[in-house]
């Protein structure tokens, strides 16, 4: 199988590596070319060049602005006739509808397919894939998707998969923010961090999130698997979605504030578990009772 892969951030690099390891002949492009170093794949000079000779093009980009840039400024839209664009970016729920329309109008096919999971499950082919679009496009993408994930959910109506991913990330961000707050309150009360995390992991905090982030919280090691800025962006999108439905979403708003604070504290490119570091820094500078 030959495919193109565009976007080699932390998640994209892990996904591309998984495809290479499973035998996919991959051509990659990233705005910063050195992100492809060490990856056994051909490196293209542009998104358009990456798509030459294949009818499968995977996008894994930061946000809808980046997708729009690749499609328009990068020329992919003009070169997508006959190709299937598999967009794993977590897009804005309105923008993704435009991408469906634009790619289809250009003679290509578009499958929105945001993923749940980060670097470790991506490298193991254990992502959860949330696909949106026609059954035909899903079946066309299946040979590649089955290499990346163990579970594929399908939403036929364009935009629904992206809405689902945003709702999922509302839960993800809320759980992580609550865990960070619990750890910092526990430590402020004199509890040992390791013991605190052990109890949370078997008690009220038991979750996939804590299972994945327990060691980072223990070591205060914030190398990025899923960045603070990324979850902050997703929470902003889902809060906008909630507002359109007439919902206030106070828990989501509180989590959004915490991640925005972490970003403003210079932790935007760190793992989203670093929201605990922002809470620790705040605790260290605020006098008791303030």
C-alpha atoms as a PDB file:
ATOM      1  CA  UNK A   1       0.000   0.000   0.000  1.00  0.00           C
ATOM      2  CA  UNK A   2       1.241   3.469  -0.911  1.00  0.00           C
ATOM      3  CA  UNK A   3      -0.064   6.537   0.922  1.00  0.00           C
ATOM      4  CA  UNK A   4       0.807  10.155   1.586  1.00  0.00           C
ATOM      5  CA  UNK A   5       0.963  11.546   5.108  1.00  0.00           C
ATOM      6  CA  UNK A   6       0.864  15.273   5.802  1.00  0.00           C
ATOM      7  CA  UNK A   7       1.630  16.602   9.285  1.00  0.00           C
ATOM      8  CA  UNK A   8       4.349  15.218  11.541  1.00  0.00           C
ATOM      9  CA  UNK A   9       3.639  16.684  14.949  1.00  0.00           C
ATOM     10  CA  UNK A  10       3.842  14.385  17.961  1.00  0.00           C
ATOM     11  CA  UNK A  11       0.722  12.423  17.002  1.00  0.00           C
ATOM     12  CA  UNK A  12       1.300  12.531  13.254  1.00  0.00           C
ATOM     13  CA  UNK A  13       4.849  11.299  13.591  1.00  0.00           C
ATOM     14  CA  UNK A  14       3.675   8.356  15.720  1.00  0.00           C
ATOM     15  CA  UNK A  15       0.930   7.492  13.231  1.00  0.00           C
ATOM     16  CA  UNK A  16       3.292   7.741  10.272  1.00  0.00           C
ATOM     17  CA  UNK A  17       5.806   5.561  12.080  1.00  0.00           C
ATOM     18  CA  UNK A  18       3.134   2.948  12.682  1.00  0.00           C
ATOM     19  CA  UNK A  19       2.212   2.886   9.000  1.00  0.00           C
ATOM     20  CA  UNK A  20       5.839   2.496   7.947  1.00  0.00           C
ATOM     21  CA  UNK A  21       6.373  -0.320  10.462  1.00  0.00           C
ATOM     22  CA  UNK A  22       3.364  -2.185   9.084  1.00  0.00           C
ATOM     23  CA  UNK A  23       4.680  -2.054   5.531  1.00  0.00           C
ATOM     24  CA  UNK A  24       3.022   1.014   4.043  1.00  0.00           C
ATOM     25  CA  UNK A  25       5.110   2.784   1.397  1.00  0.00           C
ATOM     26  CA  UNK A  26       4.782   6.308   2.756  1.00  0.00           C
ATOM     27  CA  UNK A  27       5.556   9.720   1.316  1.00  0.00           C
ATOM     28  CA  UNK A  28       5.435  12.490   3.919  1.00  0.00           C
ATOM     29  CA  UNK A  29       5.358  16.258   4.083  1.00  0.00           C
ATOM     30  CA  UNK A  30       5.661  18.582   7.045  1.00  0.00           C
ATOM     31  CA  UNK A  31       6.102  22.334   7.142  1.00  0.00           C
ATOM     32  CA  UNK A  32       9.264  21.779   9.197  1.00  0.00           C
ATOM     33  CA  UNK A  33      11.133  19.157   7.167  1.00  0.00           C
ATOM     34  CA  UNK A  34      13.413  17.939   9.966  1.00  0.00           C
ATOM     35  CA  UNK A  35      10.386  16.361  11.686  1.00  0.00           C
ATOM     36  CA  UNK A  36      10.777  13.556   9.124  1.00  0.00           C
ATOM     37  CA  UNK A  37      14.351  12.722  10.164  1.00  0.00           C
ATOM     38  CA  UNK A  38      14.747   9.054  11.041  1.00  0.00           C
ATOM     39  CA  UNK A  39      11.429   8.075   9.469  1.00  0.00           C
ATOM     40  CA  UNK A  40      11.780   5.420   6.746  1.00  0.00           C
ATOM     41  CA  UNK A  41       9.638   7.324   4.284  1.00  0.00           C
ATOM     42  CA  UNK A  42      10.094   9.470   1.205  1.00  0.00           C
ATOM     43  CA  UNK A  43      10.021  13.202   1.971  1.00  0.00           C
ATOM     44  CA  UNK A  44       8.157  15.499  -0.423  1.00  0.00           C
ATOM     45  CA  UNK A  45       8.754  19.170  -1.079  1.00  0.00           C
ATOM     46  CA  UNK A  46       5.060  20.055  -0.907  1.00  0.00           C
ATOM     47  CA  UNK A  47       1.672  18.543  -0.041  1.00  0.00           C
ATOM     48  CA  UNK A  48       0.947  18.247  -3.759  1.00  0.00           C
ATOM     49  CA  UNK A  49       4.156  16.332  -4.392  1.00  0.00           C
ATOM     50  CA  UNK A  50       3.435  14.029  -1.457  1.00  0.00           C
ATOM     51  CA  UNK A  51       0.122  13.038  -3.063  1.00  0.00           C
ATOM     52  CA  UNK A  52       1.637  12.074  -6.416  1.00  0.00           C
ATOM     53  CA  UNK A  53       1.225   8.384  -7.229  1.00  0.00           C
ATOM     54  CA  UNK A  54      -1.260   7.539  -4.459  1.00  0.00           C
ATOM     55  CA  UNK A  55      -5.006   7.819  -4.006  1.00  0.00           C
ATOM     56  CA  UNK A  56      -4.811   7.889  -0.171  1.00  0.00           C
ATOM     57  CA  UNK A  57      -3.735  11.109   1.586  1.00  0.00           C
ATOM     58  CA  UNK A  58      -3.774  11.352   5.386  1.00  0.00           C
ATOM     59  CA  UNK A  59      -3.839  14.738   7.121  1.00  0.00           C
ATOM     60  CA  UNK A  60      -2.856  15.110  10.779  1.00  0.00           C
ATOM     61  CA  UNK A  61      -2.630  18.828  11.428  1.00  0.00           C
ATOM     62  CA  UNK A  62      -2.955  21.251  14.308  1.00  0.00           C
ATOM     63  CA  UNK A  63      -6.303  22.820  13.467  1.00  0.00           C
ATOM     64  CA  UNK A  64      -8.681  23.846  10.717  1.00  0.00           C
ATOM     65  CA  UNK A  65      -6.491  26.783   9.683  1.00  0.00           C
ATOM     66  CA  UNK A  66      -3.647  24.359   8.994  1.00  0.00           C
ATOM     67  CA  UNK A  67      -5.934  22.060   6.984  1.00  0.00           C
ATOM     68  CA  UNK A  68      -7.188  25.006   4.948  1.00  0.00           C
ATOM     69  CA  UNK A  69      -3.616  26.101   4.306  1.00  0.00           C
ATOM     70  CA  UNK A  70      -2.582  22.650   3.044  1.00  0.00           C
ATOM     71  CA  UNK A  71      -5.662  22.367   0.821  1.00  0.00           C
ATOM     72  CA  UNK A  72      -5.420  25.867  -0.619  1.00  0.00           C
ATOM     73  CA  UNK A  73      -1.931  27.342  -0.208  1.00  0.00           C
ATOM     74  CA  UNK A  74      -0.277  23.921  -0.406  1.00  0.00           C
ATOM     75  CA  UNK A  75      -2.155  23.119  -3.587  1.00  0.00           C
ATOM     76  CA  UNK A  76      -3.605  19.812  -2.423  1.00  0.00           C
ATOM     77  CA  UNK A  77      -7.148  20.810  -3.369  1.00  0.00           C
ATOM     78  CA  UNK A  78      -6.129  21.298  -7.000  1.00  0.00           C
ATOM     79  CA  UNK A  79      -4.421  17.889  -7.028  1.00  0.00           C
ATOM     80  CA  UNK A  80      -7.009  15.809  -5.170  1.00  0.00           C
ATOM     81  CA  UNK A  81      -9.134  14.569  -8.076  1.00  0.00           C
ATOM     82  CA  UNK A  82      -9.640  10.828  -7.664  1.00  0.00           C
ATOM     83  CA  UNK A  83      -7.959  10.795  -4.266  1.00  0.00           C
ATOM     84  CA  UNK A  84      -9.361  10.121  -0.806  1.00  0.00           C
ATOM     85  CA  UNK A  85      -8.394  12.695   1.820  1.00  0.00           C
ATOM     86  CA  UNK A  86      -8.469  11.080   5.285  1.00  0.00           C
ATOM     87  CA  UNK A  87      -8.406  14.009   7.692  1.00  0.00           C
ATOM     88  CA  UNK A  88      -7.491  12.961  11.243  1.00  0.00           C
ATOM     89  CA  UNK A  89      -7.254  16.578  12.408  1.00  0.00           C
ATOM     90  CA  UNK A  90      -9.666  17.663  15.133  1.00  0.00           C
ATOM     91  CA  UNK A  91     -11.321  20.428  13.152  1.00  0.00           C
ATOM     92  CA  UNK A  92     -13.858  23.077  13.983  1.00  0.00           C
ATOM     93  CA  UNK A  93     -17.287  21.525  13.498  1.00  0.00           C
ATOM     94  CA  UNK A  94     -18.263  24.121  10.874  1.00  0.00           C
ATOM     95  CA  UNK A  95     -14.966  24.115   8.995  1.00  0.00           C
ATOM     96  CA  UNK A  96     -15.074  20.371   8.468  1.00  0.00           C
ATOM     97  CA  UNK A  97     -18.319  20.755   6.504  1.00  0.00           C
ATOM     98  CA  UNK A  98     -16.551  23.137   4.144  1.00  0.00           C
ATOM     99  CA  UNK A  99     -13.721  20.621   3.693  1.00  0.00           C
ATOM    100  CA  UNK A 100     -16.226  17.935   2.676  1.00  0.00           C
ATOM    101  CA  UNK A 101     -17.712  20.324   0.109  1.00  0.00           C
ATOM    102  CA  UNK A 102     -14.414  21.706  -1.201  1.00  0.00           C
ATOM    103  CA  UNK A 103     -12.733  18.338  -1.727  1.00  0.00           C
ATOM    104  CA  UNK A 104     -15.831  16.858  -3.346  1.00  0.00           C
ATOM    105  CA  UNK A 105     -16.163  19.854  -5.676  1.00  0.00           C
ATOM    106  CA  UNK A 106     -12.521  19.378  -6.695  1.00  0.00           C
ATOM    107  CA  UNK A 107     -13.199  15.768  -7.715  1.00  0.00           C
ATOM    108  CA  UNK A 108     -11.798  14.104  -4.613  1.00  0.00           C
ATOM    109  CA  UNK A 109     -13.358  12.282  -1.671  1.00  0.00           C
ATOM    110  CA  UNK A 110     -13.135  13.379   1.963  1.00  0.00           C
ATOM    111  CA  UNK A 111     -13.379  11.363   5.172  1.00  0.00           C
ATOM    112  CA  UNK A 112     -13.234  13.248   8.449  1.00  0.00           C
ATOM    113  CA  UNK A 113     -11.587  10.882  10.886  1.00  0.00           C
ATOM    114  CA  UNK A 114     -10.406  12.471  14.134  1.00  0.00           C
ATOM    115  CA  UNK A 115      -8.753  10.043  16.526  1.00  0.00           C
ATOM    116  CA  UNK A 116      -8.978   9.427  20.259  1.00  0.00           C
ATOM    117  CA  UNK A 117      -5.646   8.521  21.804  1.00  0.00           C
ATOM    118  CA  UNK A 118      -2.193  10.015  21.651  1.00  0.00           C
ATOM    119  CA  UNK A 119       1.401   9.036  20.906  1.00  0.00           C
ATOM    120  CA  UNK A 120       1.640   5.662  22.656  1.00  0.00           C
ATOM    121  CA  UNK A 121      -1.564   4.098  21.269  1.00  0.00           C
ATOM    122  CA  UNK A 122      -0.789   5.631  17.866  1.00  0.00           C
ATOM    123  CA  UNK A 123       2.570   3.859  17.781  1.00  0.00           C
ATOM    124  CA  UNK A 124       0.834   0.590  18.717  1.00  0.00           C
ATOM    125  CA  UNK A 125      -2.027   0.835  16.233  1.00  0.00           C
ATOM    126  CA  UNK A 126      -4.453   1.176  19.133  1.00  0.00           C
ATOM    127  CA  UNK A 127      -6.182   4.486  18.412  1.00  0.00           C
ATOM    128  CA  UNK A 128      -9.933   4.918  18.430  1.00  0.00           C
ATOM    129  CA  UNK A 129     -11.016   6.304  15.067  1.00  0.00           C
ATOM    130  CA  UNK A 130     -14.174   8.398  14.653  1.00  0.00           C
ATOM    131  CA  UNK A 131     -14.973   8.433  10.947  1.00  0.00           C
ATOM    132  CA  UNK A 132     -17.454  10.761   9.299  1.00  0.00           C
ATOM    133  CA  UNK A 133     -18.707  10.511   5.737  1.00  0.00           C
ATOM    134  CA  UNK A 134     -20.054   7.979   3.308  1.00  0.00           C
ATOM    135  CA  UNK A 135     -19.813   4.233   3.791  1.00  0.00           C
ATOM    136  CA  UNK A 136     -18.019   4.094   0.447  1.00  0.00           C
ATOM    137  CA  UNK A 137     -15.278   6.437   1.629  1.00  0.00           C
ATOM    138  CA  UNK A 138     -14.957   4.577   4.920  1.00  0.00           C
ATOM    139  CA  UNK A 139     -14.548   1.241   3.145  1.00  0.00           C
ATOM    140  CA  UNK A 140     -11.955   2.766   0.847  1.00  0.00           C
ATOM    141  CA  UNK A 141      -9.981   3.991   3.874  1.00  0.00           C
ATOM    142  CA  UNK A 142     -10.377   0.774   5.901  1.00  0.00           C
ATOM    143  CA  UNK A 143      -7.100  -0.969   4.909  1.00  0.00           C
ATOM    144  CA  UNK A 144      -5.161   1.998   6.252  1.00  0.00           C
ATOM    145  CA  UNK A 145      -7.412   2.747   9.236  1.00  0.00           C
ATOM    146  CA  UNK A 146      -7.163  -0.848  10.432  1.00  0.00           C
ATOM    147  CA  UNK A 147      -3.405  -0.360  10.790  1.00  0.00           C
ATOM    148  CA  UNK A 148      -3.889   2.684  13.014  1.00  0.00           C
ATOM    149  CA  UNK A 149      -6.723   1.701  15.317  1.00  0.00           C
ATOM    150  CA  UNK A 150      -8.508  -1.139  17.004  1.00  0.00           C
ATOM    151  CA  UNK A 151     -11.899   0.516  16.979  1.00  0.00           C
ATOM    152  CA  UNK A 152     -13.674   2.523  14.274  1.00  0.00           C
ATOM    153  CA  UNK A 153     -16.924   4.366  14.919  1.00  0.00           C
ATOM    154  CA  UNK A 154     -18.801   5.575  11.855  1.00  0.00           C
ATOM    155  CA  UNK A 155     -21.094   8.592  11.562  1.00  0.00           C
ATOM    156  CA  UNK A 156     -22.591   8.904   8.101  1.00  0.00           C
ATOM    157  CA  UNK A 157     -23.653  12.554   8.389  1.00  0.00           C
ATOM    158  CA  UNK A 158     -20.779  14.965   7.630  1.00  0.00           C
ATOM    159  CA  UNK A 159     -19.710  16.855  10.724  1.00  0.00           C
ATOM    160  CA  UNK A 160     -21.055  14.394  13.282  1.00  0.00           C
ATOM    161  CA  UNK A 161     -17.719  12.613  13.755  1.00  0.00           C
ATOM    162  CA  UNK A 162     -16.038  15.936  14.528  1.00  0.00           C
ATOM    163  CA  UNK A 163     -18.785  16.900  16.963  1.00  0.00           C
ATOM    164  CA  UNK A 164     -18.356  13.523  18.645  1.00  0.00           C
ATOM    165  CA  UNK A 165     -14.596  14.026  18.932  1.00  0.00           C
ATOM    166  CA  UNK A 166     -15.096  17.436  20.516  1.00  0.00           C
ATOM    167  CA  UNK A 167     -17.563  16.029  23.042  1.00  0.00           C
ATOM    168  CA  UNK A 168     -15.044  13.270  23.804  1.00  0.00           C
ATOM    169  CA  UNK A 169     -12.355  15.872  24.392  1.00  0.00           C
ATOM    170  CA  UNK A 170     -14.651  17.800  26.694  1.00  0.00           C
ATOM    171  CA  UNK A 171     -14.653  14.706  28.921  1.00  0.00           C
ATOM    172  CA  UNK A 172     -10.914  14.209  28.412  1.00  0.00           C
ATOM    173  CA  UNK A 173     -10.021  17.779  29.347  1.00  0.00           C
ATOM    174  CA  UNK A 174     -12.405  17.812  32.293  1.00  0.00           C
ATOM    175  CA  UNK A 175     -10.988  14.606  33.744  1.00  0.00           C
ATOM    176  CA  UNK A 176      -7.397  15.794  33.338  1.00  0.00           C
ATOM    177  CA  UNK A 177      -8.156  19.186  34.892  1.00  0.00           C
ATOM    178  CA  UNK A 178      -9.908  17.526  37.845  1.00  0.00           C
ATOM    179  CA  UNK A 179      -7.012  15.128  38.393  1.00  0.00           C
ATOM    180  CA  UNK A 180      -4.544  18.007  38.320  1.00  0.00           C
ATOM    181  CA  UNK A 181      -6.589  19.919  40.870  1.00  0.00           C
ATOM    182  CA  UNK A 182      -6.954  16.849  43.101  1.00  0.00           C
ATOM    183  CA  UNK A 183      -3.204  16.236  43.096  1.00  0.00           C
ATOM    184  CA  UNK A 184      -2.364  19.820  43.929  1.00  0.00           C
ATOM    185  CA  UNK A 185      -4.948  20.059  46.713  1.00  0.00           C
ATOM    186  CA  UNK A 186      -3.686  16.777  48.151  1.00  0.00           C
ATOM    187  CA  UNK A 187      -0.089  17.929  48.124  1.00  0.00           C
ATOM    188  CA  UNK A 188      -1.031  21.290  49.627  1.00  0.00           C
ATOM    189  CA  UNK A 189      -2.689  19.330  52.431  1.00  0.00           C
ATOM    190  CA  UNK A 190       0.570  17.495  53.119  1.00  0.00           C
ATOM    191  CA  UNK A 191      -0.078  14.221  51.283  1.00  0.00           C
ATOM    192  CA  UNK A 192       2.752  12.417  49.522  1.00  0.00           C
ATOM    193  CA  UNK A 193       2.404  12.738  45.743  1.00  0.00           C
ATOM    194  CA  UNK A 194       3.188   9.094  45.001  1.00  0.00           C
ATOM    195  CA  UNK A 195       0.751   7.795  47.621  1.00  0.00           C
ATOM    196  CA  UNK A 196      -1.861  10.271  46.442  1.00  0.00           C
ATOM    197  CA  UNK A 197      -1.599   9.072  42.851  1.00  0.00           C
ATOM    198  CA  UNK A 198      -1.676   5.412  43.909  1.00  0.00           C
ATOM    199  CA  UNK A 199      -4.946   5.907  45.765  1.00  0.00           C
ATOM    200  CA  UNK A 200      -6.510   8.004  43.000  1.00  0.00           C
ATOM    201  CA  UNK A 201      -5.546   5.338  40.465  1.00  0.00           C
ATOM    202  CA  UNK A 202      -7.534   2.739  42.399  1.00  0.00           C
ATOM    203  CA  UNK A 203     -10.220   5.070  43.703  1.00  0.00           C
ATOM    204  CA  UNK A 204     -12.229   7.964  42.366  1.00  0.00           C
ATOM    205  CA  UNK A 205      -9.600   8.979  39.838  1.00  0.00           C
ATOM    206  CA  UNK A 206      -9.368   5.573  38.181  1.00  0.00           C
ATOM    207  CA  UNK A 207      -9.554   6.197  34.439  1.00  0.00           C
ATOM    208  CA  UNK A 208      -7.759   5.761  31.139  1.00  0.00           C
ATOM    209  CA  UNK A 209      -6.532   9.327  31.589  1.00  0.00           C
ATOM    210  CA  UNK A 210      -4.818   8.704  34.922  1.00  0.00           C
ATOM    211  CA  UNK A 211      -3.532   5.356  33.689  1.00  0.00           C
ATOM    212  CA  UNK A 212      -1.817   7.157  30.823  1.00  0.00           C
ATOM    213  CA  UNK A 213      -0.640  10.219  32.775  1.00  0.00           C
ATOM    214  CA  UNK A 214       0.166   8.880  36.243  1.00  0.00           C
ATOM    215  CA  UNK A 215       3.917   8.702  35.627  1.00  0.00           C
ATOM    216  CA  UNK A 216       4.017  12.177  34.134  1.00  0.00           C
ATOM    217  CA  UNK A 217       2.169  13.553  37.144  1.00  0.00           C
ATOM    218  CA  UNK A 218       4.538  11.731  39.484  1.00  0.00           C
ATOM    219  CA  UNK A 219       7.743  12.831  37.736  1.00  0.00           C
ATOM    220  CA  UNK A 220       6.484  16.256  36.600  1.00  0.00           C
ATOM    221  CA  UNK A 221       7.750  15.292  33.148  1.00  0.00           C
ATOM    222  CA  UNK A 222       5.787  17.078  30.459  1.00  0.00           C
ATOM    223  CA  UNK A 223       7.192  15.916  27.110  1.00  0.00           C
ATOM    224  CA  UNK A 224       4.244  16.231  24.733  1.00  0.00           C
ATOM    225  CA  UNK A 225       1.987  13.401  23.689  1.00  0.00           C
ATOM    226  CA  UNK A 226      -1.053  15.684  23.419  1.00  0.00           C
ATOM    227  CA  UNK A 227      -0.322  19.359  23.894  1.00  0.00           C
ATOM    228  CA  UNK A 228      -1.909  21.899  26.223  1.00  0.00           C
ATOM    229  CA  UNK A 229      -2.583  24.240  23.289  1.00  0.00           C
ATOM    230  CA  UNK A 230      -4.357  21.453  21.403  1.00  0.00           C
ATOM    231  CA  UNK A 231      -6.793  20.580  24.182  1.00  0.00           C
ATOM    232  CA  UNK A 232      -7.359  24.295  24.819  1.00  0.00           C
ATOM    233  CA  UNK A 233      -8.321  24.685  21.146  1.00  0.00           C
ATOM    234  CA  UNK A 234     -10.652  21.679  21.283  1.00  0.00           C
ATOM    235  CA  UNK A 235     -12.345  22.937  24.439  1.00  0.00           C
ATOM    236  CA  UNK A 236     -12.901  26.331  22.825  1.00  0.00           C
ATOM    237  CA  UNK A 237     -14.557  24.589  19.875  1.00  0.00           C
ATOM    238  CA  UNK A 238     -16.826  22.434  22.036  1.00  0.00           C
ATOM    239  CA  UNK A 239     -17.825  25.370  24.245  1.00  0.00           C
ATOM    240  CA  UNK A 240     -18.851  27.208  21.089  1.00  0.00           C
ATOM    241  CA  UNK A 241     -20.854  24.130  20.081  1.00  0.00           C
ATOM    242  CA  UNK A 242     -22.522  24.060  23.501  1.00  0.00           C
ATOM    243  CA  UNK A 243     -23.364  27.744  23.248  1.00  0.00           C
ATOM    244  CA  UNK A 244     -25.088  27.195  19.912  1.00  0.00           C
ATOM    245  CA  UNK A 245     -27.255  24.596  21.668  1.00  0.00           C
ATOM    246  CA  UNK A 246     -28.113  27.051  24.437  1.00  0.00           C
ATOM    247  CA  UNK A 247     -25.953  25.271  27.046  1.00  0.00           C
ATOM    248  CA  UNK A 248     -23.595  27.009  29.475  1.00  0.00           C
ATOM    249  CA  UNK A 249     -21.265  23.985  30.053  1.00  0.00           C
ATOM    250  CA  UNK A 250     -19.773  25.309  33.336  1.00  0.00           C
ATOM    251  CA  UNK A 251     -17.514  22.285  33.852  1.00  0.00           C
ATOM    252  CA  UNK A 252     -16.126  22.602  30.344  1.00  0.00           C
ATOM    253  CA  UNK A 253     -15.664  26.333  30.805  1.00  0.00           C
ATOM    254  CA  UNK A 254     -13.696  25.757  34.022  1.00  0.00           C
ATOM    255  CA  UNK A 255     -11.466  23.186  32.328  1.00  0.00           C
ATOM    256  CA  UNK A 256     -10.986  25.549  29.404  1.00  0.00           C
ATOM    257  CA  UNK A 257      -9.878  28.286  31.796  1.00  0.00           C
ATOM    258  CA  UNK A 258      -7.344  25.945  33.413  1.00  0.00           C
ATOM    259  CA  UNK A 259      -5.781  24.931  30.113  1.00  0.00           C
ATOM    260  CA  UNK A 260      -5.749  28.501  28.866  1.00  0.00           C
ATOM    261  CA  UNK A 261      -3.949  29.489  32.054  1.00  0.00           C
ATOM    262  CA  UNK A 262      -1.404  26.713  31.484  1.00  0.00           C
ATOM    263  CA  UNK A 263      -0.838  27.968  27.953  1.00  0.00           C
ATOM    264  CA  UNK A 264      -0.371  31.538  29.131  1.00  0.00           C
ATOM    265  CA  UNK A 265       2.146  30.234  31.674  1.00  0.00           C
ATOM    266  CA  UNK A 266       4.354  29.045  28.802  1.00  0.00           C
ATOM    267  CA  UNK A 267       3.238  25.417  28.871  1.00  0.00           C
ATOM    268  CA  UNK A 268       1.313  25.422  25.605  1.00  0.00           C
ATOM    269  CA  UNK A 269       3.658  23.019  23.815  1.00  0.00           C
ATOM    270  CA  UNK A 270       3.910  20.660  26.799  1.00  0.00           C
ATOM    271  CA  UNK A 271       1.758  17.603  27.408  1.00  0.00           C
ATOM    272  CA  UNK A 272      -1.769  18.434  28.517  1.00  0.00           C
ATOM    273  CA  UNK A 273      -1.031  16.821  31.882  1.00  0.00           C
ATOM    274  CA  UNK A 274       1.128  19.913  32.482  1.00  0.00           C
ATOM    275  CA  UNK A 275      -2.068  21.634  33.587  1.00  0.00           C
ATOM    276  CA  UNK A 276      -0.959  20.221  36.974  1.00  0.00           C
ATOM    277  CA  UNK A 277       2.279  22.186  36.683  1.00  0.00           C
ATOM    278  CA  UNK A 278       0.338  25.398  36.131  1.00  0.00           C
ATOM    279  CA  UNK A 279      -1.686  24.641  39.256  1.00  0.00           C
ATOM    280  CA  UNK A 280       1.499  23.935  41.241  1.00  0.00           C
ATOM    281  CA  UNK A 281       3.106  27.199  40.136  1.00  0.00           C
ATOM    282  CA  UNK A 282      -0.001  29.130  41.083  1.00  0.00           C
ATOM    283  CA  UNK A 283      -0.036  27.485  44.511  1.00  0.00           C
ATOM    284  CA  UNK A 284       3.645  28.315  45.037  1.00  0.00           C
ATOM    285  CA  UNK A 285       3.167  32.048  44.460  1.00  0.00           C
ATOM    286  CA  UNK A 286      -0.234  32.640  46.042  1.00  0.00           C
ATOM    287  CA  UNK A 287      -0.133  33.276  49.795  1.00  0.00           C
ATOM    288  CA  UNK A 288      -2.476  31.145  51.924  1.00  0.00           C
ATOM    289  CA  UNK A 289      -5.958  32.612  52.113  1.00  0.00           C
ATOM    290  CA  UNK A 290      -5.510  34.773  49.013  1.00  0.00           C
END
